[in-house]
């Protein structure tokens, strides 16, 4: 599903259901050390997302390699690659591209259900909540609060490799735009100075979204700078 939301230069691998892989059999030693003290559920999530990532590496003609975590838990990709991983109940996914094809990439998956009570207020701006009320009235088939949360997660994942800094939920104003069926686009307007891509300072991010099979999927793909920019 998620590959439908990504440029042709990106490869994606998804896994559905509850993985039964033993993390100790699929993780590289440096990855295993990162979750040695984690609970079993966390170890399976960590491992199964990396299984997807390694399959994506193979689709790009690269040998499977470890994906450790770096600053703020962000994945550290093999040289020449960039990507993003996500997981939620019943779903794992990874998307990868060659570094020259994109500047950054963020993906997120969530179960398509309402956010817990009170969470929307803590992750959204007043303008976003106003738009949420209008969208919910017009299209009650979509859980717009969960979709907004997912879009913010994808934006952060695309932001961090470029800015190497935290981006708070309140620092990007996201407008969700429905299209036909359970899909659409979104734009995130940055309320803080954006990172440079080449010589251009970003003022926002554009993304795409999709609902289906009980999931919300969102993606952000930041184009690579053109020559001379």
N, C-alpha and C. Protein backbone atom coordinates (compact mmCIF):
# COMPACT_ATOMS: atom_id res chain seq x y z
N UNK A 1 0.81 -1.21 0.00
CA UNK A 1 0.00 0.00 0.00
C UNK A 1 0.84 1.27 0.00
N UNK A 2 1.88 1.29 0.84
CA UNK A 2 2.61 2.55 1.03
C UNK A 2 3.39 2.95 -0.21
N UNK A 3 3.75 1.99 -1.05
CA UNK A 3 4.51 2.31 -2.25
C UNK A 3 3.69 3.20 -3.20
N UNK A 4 2.35 3.12 -3.09
CA UNK A 4 1.49 3.98 -3.92
C UNK A 4 1.69 5.46 -3.60
N UNK A 5 2.19 5.76 -2.41
CA UNK A 5 2.33 7.14 -1.95
C UNK A 5 3.72 7.71 -2.15
N UNK A 6 4.61 6.94 -2.76
CA UNK A 6 6.01 7.32 -2.82
C UNK A 6 6.49 7.49 -4.26
N UNK A 7 7.52 8.31 -4.48
CA UNK A 7 8.07 8.45 -5.84
C UNK A 7 8.65 7.13 -6.36
N UNK A 8 8.81 7.05 -7.66
CA UNK A 8 9.33 5.83 -8.27
C UNK A 8 10.74 5.51 -7.81
N UNK A 9 11.48 6.52 -7.34
CA UNK A 9 12.86 6.28 -6.90
C UNK A 9 12.93 5.57 -5.55
N UNK A 10 11.79 5.42 -4.87
CA UNK A 10 11.75 4.81 -3.54
C UNK A 10 11.26 3.37 -3.66
N UNK A 11 11.89 2.46 -2.93
CA UNK A 11 11.39 1.10 -2.83
C UNK A 11 10.84 0.91 -1.42
N UNK A 12 9.78 0.15 -1.31
CA UNK A 12 9.15 -0.08 -0.01
C UNK A 12 8.86 -1.55 0.16
N UNK A 13 8.96 -2.02 1.39
CA UNK A 13 8.61 -3.40 1.75
C UNK A 13 7.72 -3.34 2.98
N UNK A 14 6.60 -4.07 2.92
CA UNK A 14 5.65 -4.09 4.02
C UNK A 14 5.44 -5.51 4.51
N UNK A 15 5.03 -5.62 5.77
CA UNK A 15 4.70 -6.91 6.36
C UNK A 15 3.45 -6.74 7.20
N UNK A 16 2.52 -7.68 7.04
CA UNK A 16 1.25 -7.60 7.76
C UNK A 16 1.16 -8.74 8.77
N UNK A 17 0.31 -8.58 9.75
CA UNK A 17 0.13 -9.60 10.76
C UNK A 17 1.14 -9.45 11.88
N UNK A 18 1.17 -10.44 12.76
CA UNK A 18 2.06 -10.43 13.91
C UNK A 18 3.29 -11.26 13.57
N UNK A 19 4.47 -10.65 13.49
CA UNK A 19 5.67 -11.41 13.12
C UNK A 19 6.07 -12.40 14.21
N UNK A 20 6.52 -13.54 13.78
CA UNK A 20 6.96 -14.56 14.72
C UNK A 20 8.48 -14.70 14.74
N UNK A 21 9.17 -13.88 13.96
CA UNK A 21 10.63 -13.99 13.89
C UNK A 21 11.24 -13.77 15.27
N UNK A 22 12.19 -14.60 15.60
CA UNK A 22 12.96 -14.41 16.82
C UNK A 22 13.96 -13.28 16.57
N UNK A 23 13.87 -12.18 17.32
CA UNK A 23 14.79 -11.06 17.07
C UNK A 23 16.25 -11.48 17.07
N UNK A 24 16.60 -12.45 17.90
CA UNK A 24 18.00 -12.86 17.99
C UNK A 24 18.50 -13.52 16.70
N UNK A 25 17.57 -13.99 15.87
CA UNK A 25 17.99 -14.66 14.64
C UNK A 25 18.04 -13.72 13.45
N UNK A 26 17.42 -12.54 13.53
CA UNK A 26 17.35 -11.65 12.39
C UNK A 26 18.11 -10.35 12.59
N UNK A 27 18.59 -10.10 13.80
CA UNK A 27 19.30 -8.85 14.07
C UNK A 27 20.81 -9.03 13.99
N UNK A 28 21.49 -8.01 13.52
CA UNK A 28 22.94 -7.97 13.60
C UNK A 28 23.34 -7.70 15.06
N UNK A 29 24.54 -8.10 15.44
CA UNK A 29 24.93 -7.93 16.85
C UNK A 29 24.78 -6.50 17.37
N UNK A 30 25.15 -5.50 16.56
CA UNK A 30 25.05 -4.12 17.02
C UNK A 30 23.60 -3.68 17.19
N UNK A 31 22.69 -4.28 16.43
CA UNK A 31 21.27 -4.00 16.61
C UNK A 31 20.74 -4.73 17.85
N UNK A 32 21.16 -5.96 18.00
CA UNK A 32 20.69 -6.76 19.14
C UNK A 32 21.03 -6.08 20.46
N UNK A 33 22.18 -5.45 20.51
CA UNK A 33 22.60 -4.79 21.74
C UNK A 33 21.68 -3.63 22.11
N UNK A 34 21.06 -3.01 21.11
CA UNK A 34 20.21 -1.85 21.35
C UNK A 34 18.90 -2.22 22.03
N UNK A 35 18.46 -3.46 21.86
CA UNK A 35 17.18 -3.88 22.44
C UNK A 35 17.36 -5.05 23.41
N UNK A 36 18.56 -5.22 23.89
CA UNK A 36 18.85 -6.35 24.77
C UNK A 36 17.98 -6.34 26.02
N UNK A 37 17.64 -5.16 26.51
CA UNK A 37 16.85 -5.06 27.74
C UNK A 37 15.40 -4.70 27.48
N UNK A 38 15.01 -4.67 26.21
CA UNK A 38 13.64 -4.30 25.85
C UNK A 38 12.69 -5.48 26.08
N UNK A 39 11.41 -5.16 26.23
CA UNK A 39 10.40 -6.21 26.36
C UNK A 39 10.25 -6.92 25.01
N UNK A 40 9.64 -8.10 25.05
CA UNK A 40 9.57 -8.94 23.85
C UNK A 40 8.85 -8.22 22.71
N UNK A 41 7.76 -7.50 23.00
CA UNK A 41 7.01 -6.81 21.96
C UNK A 41 7.88 -5.78 21.25
N UNK A 42 8.63 -5.01 22.02
CA UNK A 42 9.51 -4.00 21.44
C UNK A 42 10.60 -4.65 20.61
N UNK A 43 11.14 -5.77 21.05
CA UNK A 43 12.19 -6.46 20.31
C UNK A 43 11.66 -6.96 18.97
N UNK A 44 10.43 -7.48 18.95
CA UNK A 44 9.85 -7.97 17.70
C UNK A 44 9.59 -6.81 16.74
N UNK A 45 9.07 -5.69 17.25
CA UNK A 45 8.82 -4.52 16.40
C UNK A 45 10.13 -4.03 15.78
N UNK A 46 11.14 -3.89 16.60
CA UNK A 46 12.44 -3.41 16.16
C UNK A 46 13.00 -4.33 15.09
N UNK A 47 12.92 -5.64 15.33
CA UNK A 47 13.51 -6.61 14.40
C UNK A 47 12.72 -6.69 13.10
N UNK A 48 11.41 -6.74 13.17
CA UNK A 48 10.62 -6.94 11.96
C UNK A 48 10.68 -5.73 11.04
N UNK A 49 10.78 -4.53 11.60
CA UNK A 49 10.95 -3.35 10.75
C UNK A 49 12.28 -3.42 10.01
N UNK A 50 13.30 -3.94 10.67
CA UNK A 50 14.61 -4.06 10.02
C UNK A 50 14.65 -5.18 9.00
N UNK A 51 13.85 -6.21 9.20
CA UNK A 51 13.73 -7.22 8.16
C UNK A 51 13.18 -6.58 6.89
N UNK A 52 12.15 -5.73 7.03
CA UNK A 52 11.60 -5.01 5.87
C UNK A 52 12.68 -4.13 5.24
N UNK A 53 13.46 -3.44 6.07
CA UNK A 53 14.50 -2.56 5.55
C UNK A 53 15.54 -3.34 4.77
N UNK A 54 15.92 -4.49 5.24
CA UNK A 54 16.95 -5.27 4.54
C UNK A 54 16.42 -5.83 3.21
N UNK A 55 15.13 -6.16 3.18
CA UNK A 55 14.55 -6.59 1.92
C UNK A 55 14.51 -5.43 0.92
N UNK A 56 14.27 -4.22 1.44
CA UNK A 56 14.30 -3.05 0.58
C UNK A 56 15.71 -2.79 0.05
N UNK A 57 16.72 -3.00 0.90
CA UNK A 57 18.11 -2.86 0.45
C UNK A 57 18.38 -3.79 -0.73
N UNK A 58 17.90 -5.02 -0.61
CA UNK A 58 18.13 -5.98 -1.68
C UNK A 58 17.44 -5.53 -2.97
N UNK A 59 16.26 -4.93 -2.86
CA UNK A 59 15.56 -4.42 -4.06
C UNK A 59 16.35 -3.30 -4.73
N UNK A 60 17.18 -2.60 -3.95
CA UNK A 60 18.03 -1.55 -4.49
C UNK A 60 19.39 -2.08 -4.92
N UNK A 61 19.57 -3.40 -4.83
CA UNK A 61 20.83 -4.01 -5.24
C UNK A 61 21.93 -3.90 -4.21
N UNK A 62 21.55 -3.67 -2.96
CA UNK A 62 22.54 -3.55 -1.88
C UNK A 62 22.46 -4.77 -0.97
N UNK A 63 23.59 -5.21 -0.42
CA UNK A 63 23.54 -6.34 0.51
C UNK A 63 22.88 -5.95 1.82
N UNK A 64 22.24 -6.90 2.50
CA UNK A 64 21.63 -6.59 3.79
C UNK A 64 22.68 -6.05 4.77
N UNK A 65 22.31 -5.02 5.51
CA UNK A 65 23.24 -4.38 6.44
C UNK A 65 22.50 -3.96 7.69
N UNK A 66 23.23 -3.79 8.79
CA UNK A 66 22.58 -3.36 10.03
C UNK A 66 22.05 -1.94 9.92
N UNK A 67 21.00 -1.67 10.69
CA UNK A 67 20.44 -0.31 10.79
C UNK A 67 20.38 0.03 12.28
N UNK A 68 21.48 0.51 12.85
CA UNK A 68 21.47 0.91 14.25
C UNK A 68 20.72 2.23 14.42
N UNK A 69 20.61 2.68 15.63
CA UNK A 69 19.96 3.96 15.89
C UNK A 69 21.01 4.97 16.35
N UNK A 70 20.76 6.23 15.98
CA UNK A 70 21.66 7.31 16.35
C UNK A 70 20.97 8.31 17.25
N UNK A 71 21.23 9.57 17.00
CA UNK A 71 20.68 10.65 17.82
C UNK A 71 19.15 10.61 17.81
N UNK A 72 18.57 10.73 19.00
CA UNK A 72 17.11 10.71 19.20
C UNK A 72 16.46 9.47 18.60
N UNK A 73 17.21 8.38 18.52
CA UNK A 73 16.64 7.12 18.05
C UNK A 73 16.46 7.02 16.55
N UNK A 74 16.96 8.01 15.80
CA UNK A 74 16.80 7.97 14.35
C UNK A 74 17.64 6.84 13.75
N UNK A 75 17.13 6.13 12.74
CA UNK A 75 17.92 5.06 12.12
C UNK A 75 19.15 5.61 11.42
N UNK A 76 20.22 4.84 11.48
CA UNK A 76 21.47 5.19 10.78
C UNK A 76 21.59 4.24 9.60
N UNK A 77 21.43 4.79 8.40
CA UNK A 77 21.39 3.96 7.20
C UNK A 77 22.78 3.73 6.64
N UNK A 78 22.97 2.63 5.92
CA UNK A 78 24.26 2.40 5.26
C UNK A 78 24.59 3.57 4.32
N UNK A 79 25.87 3.78 4.11
CA UNK A 79 26.33 4.87 3.25
C UNK A 79 25.66 4.80 1.88
N UNK A 80 25.16 5.94 1.42
CA UNK A 80 24.55 6.00 0.11
C UNK A 80 23.05 5.74 0.10
N UNK A 81 22.47 5.45 1.27
CA UNK A 81 21.04 5.20 1.36
C UNK A 81 20.40 6.14 2.37
N UNK A 82 19.13 6.40 2.18
CA UNK A 82 18.32 7.07 3.20
C UNK A 82 16.97 6.38 3.23
N UNK A 83 16.28 6.54 4.34
CA UNK A 83 15.01 5.83 4.43
C UNK A 83 14.25 6.15 5.68
N UNK A 84 13.20 5.36 5.89
CA UNK A 84 12.34 5.52 7.03
C UNK A 84 11.66 4.20 7.31
N UNK A 85 11.36 3.94 8.58
CA UNK A 85 10.67 2.72 8.99
C UNK A 85 9.48 3.09 9.87
N UNK A 86 8.52 2.18 9.94
CA UNK A 86 7.35 2.40 10.78
C UNK A 86 6.76 1.06 11.19
N UNK A 87 6.03 1.09 12.29
CA UNK A 87 5.30 -0.12 12.71
C UNK A 87 4.12 0.29 13.57
N UNK A 88 3.07 -0.51 13.50
CA UNK A 88 1.94 -0.41 14.41
C UNK A 88 1.35 -1.81 14.52
N UNK A 89 0.31 -1.99 15.28
CA UNK A 89 -0.26 -3.32 15.45
C UNK A 89 -0.65 -3.91 14.09
N UNK A 90 -0.04 -5.03 13.74
CA UNK A 90 -0.37 -5.73 12.52
C UNK A 90 0.31 -5.23 11.26
N UNK A 91 1.25 -4.30 11.40
CA UNK A 91 1.88 -3.74 10.20
C UNK A 91 3.32 -3.35 10.51
N UNK A 92 4.21 -3.62 9.54
CA UNK A 92 5.58 -3.14 9.57
C UNK A 92 5.92 -2.65 8.17
N UNK A 93 6.71 -1.60 8.07
CA UNK A 93 7.07 -1.11 6.75
C UNK A 93 8.40 -0.37 6.76
N UNK A 94 9.07 -0.40 5.63
CA UNK A 94 10.32 0.35 5.45
C UNK A 94 10.35 0.86 4.02
N UNK A 95 10.86 2.08 3.85
CA UNK A 95 11.01 2.69 2.52
C UNK A 95 12.42 3.23 2.41
N UNK A 96 13.09 2.95 1.30
CA UNK A 96 14.48 3.35 1.10
C UNK A 96 14.67 3.96 -0.28
N UNK A 97 15.66 4.83 -0.36
CA UNK A 97 16.06 5.43 -1.64
C UNK A 97 17.56 5.65 -1.61
N UNK A 98 18.12 5.83 -2.79
CA UNK A 98 19.53 6.21 -2.86
C UNK A 98 19.66 7.69 -2.49
N UNK A 99 20.74 8.02 -1.83
CA UNK A 99 20.90 9.37 -1.29
C UNK A 99 20.79 10.46 -2.36
N UNK A 100 21.24 10.20 -3.57
CA UNK A 100 21.17 11.21 -4.61
C UNK A 100 19.78 11.43 -5.19
N UNK A 101 18.86 10.50 -4.89
CA UNK A 101 17.52 10.59 -5.48
C UNK A 101 16.56 11.43 -4.66
N UNK A 102 16.78 11.51 -3.35
CA UNK A 102 15.95 12.31 -2.46
C UNK A 102 16.85 13.00 -1.44
N UNK A 103 16.30 14.05 -0.81
CA UNK A 103 17.01 14.69 0.29
C UNK A 103 16.64 14.06 1.62
N UNK A 104 15.38 13.61 1.75
CA UNK A 104 14.93 13.00 2.99
C UNK A 104 13.61 12.29 2.74
N UNK A 105 13.24 11.43 3.70
CA UNK A 105 12.07 10.59 3.53
C UNK A 105 11.48 10.28 4.90
N UNK A 106 10.16 10.34 5.00
CA UNK A 106 9.49 9.96 6.24
C UNK A 106 8.22 9.19 5.94
N UNK A 107 8.02 8.07 6.65
CA UNK A 107 6.78 7.30 6.51
C UNK A 107 6.23 6.99 7.88
N UNK A 108 4.91 6.84 7.97
CA UNK A 108 4.30 6.46 9.24
C UNK A 108 3.05 5.65 8.97
N UNK A 109 2.79 4.67 9.84
CA UNK A 109 1.59 3.85 9.79
C UNK A 109 0.94 3.87 11.17
N UNK A 110 -0.37 3.98 11.18
CA UNK A 110 -1.15 3.96 12.41
C UNK A 110 -2.39 3.10 12.19
N UNK A 111 -2.90 2.54 13.26
CA UNK A 111 -4.19 1.87 13.18
C UNK A 111 -5.26 2.93 12.95
N UNK A 112 -6.17 2.68 12.01
CA UNK A 112 -7.18 3.67 11.65
C UNK A 112 -8.32 3.65 12.67
N UNK A 113 -8.11 4.36 13.75
CA UNK A 113 -9.09 4.50 14.81
C UNK A 113 -8.88 5.84 15.48
N UNK A 114 -9.85 6.35 16.23
CA UNK A 114 -9.67 7.66 16.86
C UNK A 114 -8.50 7.66 17.85
N UNK A 115 -7.89 8.82 17.99
CA UNK A 115 -6.87 8.99 19.03
C UNK A 115 -7.53 8.87 20.40
N UNK A 116 -6.78 8.43 21.40
CA UNK A 116 -7.31 8.44 22.76
C UNK A 116 -7.77 9.83 23.16
N UNK A 117 -8.74 9.88 24.05
CA UNK A 117 -9.31 11.16 24.48
C UNK A 117 -8.22 12.08 25.03
N UNK A 118 -8.22 13.31 24.57
CA UNK A 118 -7.28 14.31 25.05
C UNK A 118 -6.00 14.42 24.25
N UNK A 119 -5.69 13.40 23.43
CA UNK A 119 -4.42 13.42 22.70
C UNK A 119 -4.44 14.47 21.59
N UNK A 120 -5.56 14.62 20.90
CA UNK A 120 -5.61 15.59 19.81
C UNK A 120 -5.24 16.98 20.32
N UNK A 121 -5.77 17.37 21.46
CA UNK A 121 -5.47 18.71 21.99
C UNK A 121 -3.99 18.89 22.27
N UNK A 122 -3.31 17.80 22.63
CA UNK A 122 -1.89 17.92 23.00
C UNK A 122 -0.96 17.89 21.79
N UNK A 123 -1.45 17.46 20.63
CA UNK A 123 -0.56 17.33 19.46
C UNK A 123 -0.94 18.27 18.32
N UNK A 124 -1.96 19.10 18.52
CA UNK A 124 -2.44 19.92 17.41
C UNK A 124 -2.54 21.39 17.80
N UNK A 125 -2.59 22.22 16.77
CA UNK A 125 -2.78 23.65 16.92
C UNK A 125 -4.27 23.99 16.81
N UNK A 126 -4.69 25.16 17.34
CA UNK A 126 -6.10 25.54 17.22
C UNK A 126 -6.61 25.51 15.77
N UNK A 127 -5.81 26.00 14.82
CA UNK A 127 -6.25 26.00 13.43
C UNK A 127 -6.42 24.57 12.90
N UNK A 128 -5.55 23.67 13.33
CA UNK A 128 -5.67 22.27 12.91
C UNK A 128 -6.94 21.65 13.48
N UNK A 129 -7.29 22.00 14.72
CA UNK A 129 -8.51 21.46 15.32
C UNK A 129 -9.76 22.00 14.62
N UNK A 130 -9.72 23.24 14.19
CA UNK A 130 -10.84 23.79 13.43
C UNK A 130 -11.03 23.03 12.13
N UNK A 131 -9.93 22.79 11.43
CA UNK A 131 -10.03 22.05 10.17
C UNK A 131 -10.48 20.61 10.44
N UNK A 132 -10.03 20.04 11.56
CA UNK A 132 -10.43 18.69 11.93
C UNK A 132 -11.94 18.59 12.09
N UNK A 133 -12.55 19.57 12.73
CA UNK A 133 -14.00 19.54 12.92
C UNK A 133 -14.73 19.60 11.58
N UNK A 134 -14.24 20.44 10.67
CA UNK A 134 -14.89 20.55 9.36
C UNK A 134 -14.73 19.26 8.55
N UNK A 135 -13.55 18.69 8.57
CA UNK A 135 -13.31 17.46 7.82
C UNK A 135 -14.12 16.31 8.39
N UNK A 136 -14.21 16.23 9.71
CA UNK A 136 -14.96 15.15 10.35
C UNK A 136 -16.44 15.22 10.00
N UNK A 137 -16.96 16.45 9.88
CA UNK A 137 -18.36 16.61 9.52
C UNK A 137 -18.61 16.21 8.06
N UNK A 138 -17.66 16.56 7.19
CA UNK A 138 -17.82 16.28 5.76
C UNK A 138 -17.50 14.84 5.41
N UNK A 139 -16.52 14.25 6.08
CA UNK A 139 -16.05 12.89 5.77
C UNK A 139 -15.88 12.08 7.05
N UNK A 140 -17.00 11.64 7.66
CA UNK A 140 -16.88 10.90 8.92
C UNK A 140 -16.27 9.51 8.77
N UNK A 141 -16.03 9.06 7.54
CA UNK A 141 -15.43 7.74 7.33
C UNK A 141 -13.94 7.73 7.63
N UNK A 142 -13.33 8.91 7.76
CA UNK A 142 -11.89 9.01 8.04
C UNK A 142 -11.70 9.54 9.47
N UNK A 143 -10.81 8.90 10.21
CA UNK A 143 -10.45 9.39 11.54
C UNK A 143 -9.36 10.45 11.36
N UNK A 144 -9.81 11.69 11.18
CA UNK A 144 -8.90 12.78 10.83
C UNK A 144 -7.90 13.09 11.93
N UNK A 145 -8.27 12.84 13.18
CA UNK A 145 -7.33 13.09 14.27
C UNK A 145 -6.14 12.14 14.19
N UNK A 146 -6.42 10.87 13.90
CA UNK A 146 -5.31 9.89 13.76
C UNK A 146 -4.49 10.21 12.52
N UNK A 147 -5.14 10.62 11.46
CA UNK A 147 -4.42 10.97 10.24
C UNK A 147 -3.51 12.17 10.47
N UNK A 148 -3.99 13.18 11.20
CA UNK A 148 -3.16 14.33 11.51
C UNK A 148 -1.94 13.92 12.32
N UNK A 149 -2.14 13.06 13.31
CA UNK A 149 -1.03 12.58 14.12
C UNK A 149 0.00 11.87 13.25
N UNK A 150 -0.48 11.01 12.36
CA UNK A 150 0.43 10.27 11.49
C UNK A 150 1.21 11.21 10.58
N UNK A 151 0.52 12.21 10.02
CA UNK A 151 1.20 13.17 9.15
C UNK A 151 2.31 13.89 9.91
N UNK A 152 2.05 14.25 11.17
CA UNK A 152 3.07 14.92 11.97
C UNK A 152 4.27 14.01 12.21
N UNK A 153 4.00 12.71 12.38
CA UNK A 153 5.10 11.76 12.55
C UNK A 153 5.94 11.67 11.28
N UNK A 154 5.30 11.60 10.13
CA UNK A 154 6.06 11.54 8.87
C UNK A 154 6.86 12.81 8.64
N UNK A 155 6.26 13.95 8.97
CA UNK A 155 6.98 15.22 8.82
C UNK A 155 8.22 15.23 9.71
N UNK A 156 8.08 14.79 10.95
CA UNK A 156 9.24 14.78 11.84
C UNK A 156 10.34 13.86 11.31
N UNK A 157 9.94 12.70 10.81
CA UNK A 157 10.94 11.76 10.31
C UNK A 157 11.69 12.32 9.10
N UNK A 158 11.00 13.13 8.28
CA UNK A 158 11.68 13.77 7.15
C UNK A 158 12.50 14.97 7.60
N UNK A 159 12.04 15.67 8.62
CA UNK A 159 12.71 16.87 9.14
C UNK A 159 14.05 16.53 9.82
N UNK A 160 14.04 15.52 10.67
CA UNK A 160 15.18 15.32 11.56
C UNK A 160 16.50 15.07 10.84
N UNK A 161 16.57 14.22 9.81
CA UNK A 161 17.87 14.02 9.15
C UNK A 161 18.42 15.29 8.51
N UNK A 162 17.54 16.24 8.19
CA UNK A 162 17.98 17.49 7.58
C UNK A 162 18.36 18.53 8.62
N UNK A 163 17.59 18.60 9.72
CA UNK A 163 17.79 19.66 10.72
C UNK A 163 18.62 19.21 11.90
N UNK A 164 18.63 17.89 12.19
CA UNK A 164 19.33 17.35 13.37
C UNK A 164 18.86 18.06 14.63
N UNK A 165 17.58 18.35 14.71
CA UNK A 165 17.00 19.03 15.86
C UNK A 165 15.57 18.56 16.03
N UNK A 166 15.06 18.74 17.25
CA UNK A 166 13.69 18.36 17.56
C UNK A 166 12.72 19.28 16.84
N UNK A 167 11.57 18.75 16.42
CA UNK A 167 10.47 19.54 15.88
C UNK A 167 9.24 19.20 16.70
N UNK A 168 8.73 20.16 17.43
CA UNK A 168 7.58 19.92 18.29
C UNK A 168 6.30 19.84 17.46
N UNK A 169 5.28 19.17 18.00
CA UNK A 169 4.00 19.08 17.31
C UNK A 169 3.44 20.47 16.99
N UNK A 170 3.76 21.45 17.83
CA UNK A 170 3.22 22.80 17.65
C UNK A 170 4.01 23.63 16.65
N UNK A 171 5.08 23.08 16.07
CA UNK A 171 5.95 23.87 15.21
C UNK A 171 5.73 23.61 13.72
N UNK A 172 4.69 22.87 13.40
CA UNK A 172 4.29 22.68 12.00
C UNK A 172 2.78 22.64 11.94
N UNK A 173 2.21 23.46 11.08
CA UNK A 173 0.77 23.54 10.90
C UNK A 173 0.41 22.72 9.67
N UNK A 174 -0.32 21.63 9.88
CA UNK A 174 -0.59 20.68 8.80
C UNK A 174 -2.03 20.80 8.32
N UNK A 175 -2.18 20.95 7.02
CA UNK A 175 -3.50 20.98 6.40
C UNK A 175 -3.68 19.71 5.58
N UNK A 176 -4.69 18.93 5.95
CA UNK A 176 -5.01 17.68 5.26
C UNK A 176 -6.00 17.97 4.14
N UNK A 177 -5.74 17.41 2.97
CA UNK A 177 -6.59 17.65 1.80
C UNK A 177 -7.09 16.32 1.28
N UNK A 178 -8.40 16.07 1.37
CA UNK A 178 -8.93 14.80 0.84
C UNK A 178 -9.00 14.82 -0.68
N UNK A 179 -8.81 13.66 -1.28
CA UNK A 179 -9.00 13.48 -2.72
C UNK A 179 -10.07 12.40 -2.88
N UNK A 180 -10.01 11.63 -3.96
CA UNK A 180 -11.00 10.59 -4.16
C UNK A 180 -10.70 9.39 -3.27
N UNK A 181 -11.76 8.73 -2.81
CA UNK A 181 -11.57 7.55 -1.98
C UNK A 181 -10.90 7.91 -0.67
N UNK A 182 -10.26 6.94 -0.08
CA UNK A 182 -9.59 7.15 1.20
C UNK A 182 -8.15 7.55 1.02
N UNK A 183 -7.93 8.62 0.30
CA UNK A 183 -6.57 9.09 0.08
C UNK A 183 -6.58 10.59 -0.14
N UNK A 184 -5.38 11.20 -0.10
CA UNK A 184 -5.28 12.63 -0.31
C UNK A 184 -3.85 13.10 -0.11
N UNK A 185 -3.71 14.38 0.12
CA UNK A 185 -2.40 15.00 0.30
C UNK A 185 -2.42 15.84 1.57
N UNK A 186 -1.27 16.36 1.94
CA UNK A 186 -1.21 17.32 3.03
C UNK A 186 0.00 18.23 2.85
N UNK A 187 -0.10 19.40 3.46
CA UNK A 187 1.02 20.34 3.47
C UNK A 187 1.31 20.74 4.90
N UNK A 188 2.57 20.69 5.28
CA UNK A 188 3.01 21.10 6.61
C UNK A 188 3.76 22.42 6.48
N UNK A 189 3.19 23.46 7.03
CA UNK A 189 3.84 24.77 7.03
C UNK A 189 4.67 24.91 8.29
N UNK A 190 5.98 25.07 8.12
CA UNK A 190 6.86 25.17 9.28
C UNK A 190 6.68 26.52 9.96
N UNK A 191 6.58 26.49 11.28
CA UNK A 191 6.45 27.70 12.08
C UNK A 191 7.76 28.08 12.74
N UNK A 192 8.81 27.38 12.40
CA UNK A 192 10.18 27.67 12.84
C UNK A 192 11.06 27.64 11.61
N UNK A 193 12.26 28.24 11.66
CA UNK A 193 13.13 28.20 10.48
C UNK A 193 13.42 26.78 10.04
N UNK A 194 13.27 26.53 8.75
CA UNK A 194 13.48 25.20 8.23
C UNK A 194 14.94 24.92 7.90
N UNK A 195 15.27 23.65 7.67
CA UNK A 195 16.64 23.29 7.30
C UNK A 195 16.93 23.65 5.86
N UNK A 196 18.22 23.70 5.54
CA UNK A 196 18.64 23.93 4.16
C UNK A 196 18.67 22.62 3.39
N UNK A 197 18.17 22.65 2.17
CA UNK A 197 18.35 21.56 1.23
C UNK A 197 19.09 22.16 0.04
N UNK A 198 20.36 21.85 -0.08
CA UNK A 198 21.21 22.58 -1.01
C UNK A 198 21.35 24.00 -0.49
N UNK A 199 20.94 24.96 -1.29
CA UNK A 199 20.99 26.36 -0.85
C UNK A 199 19.59 26.90 -0.55
N UNK A 200 18.59 26.04 -0.59
CA UNK A 200 17.21 26.46 -0.36
C UNK A 200 16.77 26.12 1.05
N UNK A 201 16.23 27.10 1.76
CA UNK A 201 15.71 26.85 3.11
C UNK A 201 14.25 26.42 3.00
N UNK A 202 13.95 25.27 3.55
CA UNK A 202 12.59 24.75 3.49
C UNK A 202 11.65 25.56 4.37
N UNK A 203 10.47 25.80 3.86
CA UNK A 203 9.42 26.46 4.64
C UNK A 203 8.28 25.49 4.95
N UNK A 204 8.36 24.29 4.40
CA UNK A 204 7.32 23.32 4.66
C UNK A 204 7.62 21.99 3.99
N UNK A 205 6.72 21.05 4.19
CA UNK A 205 6.83 19.71 3.62
C UNK A 205 5.50 19.34 2.98
N UNK A 206 5.57 18.64 1.87
CA UNK A 206 4.37 18.11 1.22
C UNK A 206 4.33 16.60 1.38
N UNK A 207 3.12 16.09 1.62
CA UNK A 207 2.99 14.66 1.85
C UNK A 207 1.73 14.10 1.22
N UNK A 208 1.61 12.79 1.33
CA UNK A 208 0.46 12.07 0.79
C UNK A 208 -0.05 11.11 1.85
N UNK A 209 -1.35 10.78 1.78
CA UNK A 209 -1.92 9.87 2.77
C UNK A 209 -2.90 8.91 2.12
N UNK A 210 -3.14 7.81 2.86
CA UNK A 210 -3.99 6.75 2.36
C UNK A 210 -4.58 6.02 3.56
N UNK A 211 -5.86 5.66 3.48
CA UNK A 211 -6.46 4.79 4.48
C UNK A 211 -6.96 3.53 3.79
N UNK A 212 -6.87 2.40 4.50
CA UNK A 212 -7.34 1.14 3.95
C UNK A 212 -6.87 -0.01 4.79
N UNK A 213 -7.61 -1.10 4.78
CA UNK A 213 -7.25 -2.30 5.54
C UNK A 213 -7.02 -1.98 7.01
N UNK A 214 -7.80 -1.02 7.54
CA UNK A 214 -7.69 -0.70 8.96
C UNK A 214 -6.49 0.13 9.32
N UNK A 215 -5.82 0.73 8.32
CA UNK A 215 -4.59 1.48 8.56
C UNK A 215 -4.69 2.90 8.03
N UNK A 216 -3.91 3.77 8.62
CA UNK A 216 -3.62 5.10 8.09
C UNK A 216 -2.15 5.11 7.72
N UNK A 217 -1.82 5.50 6.50
CA UNK A 217 -0.44 5.58 6.04
C UNK A 217 -0.17 6.99 5.53
N UNK A 218 0.97 7.55 5.94
CA UNK A 218 1.37 8.86 5.47
C UNK A 218 2.83 8.84 5.04
N UNK A 219 3.17 9.68 4.07
CA UNK A 219 4.53 9.75 3.59
C UNK A 219 4.92 11.18 3.27
N UNK A 220 6.21 11.48 3.44
CA UNK A 220 6.81 12.73 3.01
C UNK A 220 8.09 12.38 2.28
N UNK A 221 8.23 12.84 1.06
CA UNK A 221 9.47 12.66 0.28
C UNK A 221 9.99 14.03 -0.12
N UNK A 222 11.17 14.38 0.35
CA UNK A 222 11.77 15.68 0.06
C UNK A 222 12.69 15.53 -1.14
N UNK A 223 12.41 16.24 -2.24
CA UNK A 223 13.26 16.08 -3.42
C UNK A 223 14.72 16.47 -3.14
N UNK A 224 15.62 15.83 -3.84
CA UNK A 224 17.03 16.20 -3.75
C UNK A 224 17.22 17.58 -4.39
N UNK A 225 18.20 18.36 -3.92
CA UNK A 225 18.42 19.67 -4.53
C UNK A 225 18.87 19.51 -5.97
N UNK A 226 18.39 20.40 -6.81
CA UNK A 226 18.82 20.38 -8.20
C UNK A 226 20.24 20.93 -8.29
N UNK A 227 20.93 20.64 -9.34
CA UNK A 227 22.29 21.09 -9.49
C UNK A 227 22.33 22.63 -9.47
N UNK A 228 23.23 23.14 -8.65
CA UNK A 228 23.37 24.59 -8.54
C UNK A 228 22.48 25.22 -7.50
N UNK A 229 21.63 24.40 -6.81
CA UNK A 229 20.74 24.96 -5.79
C UNK A 229 21.09 24.43 -4.41
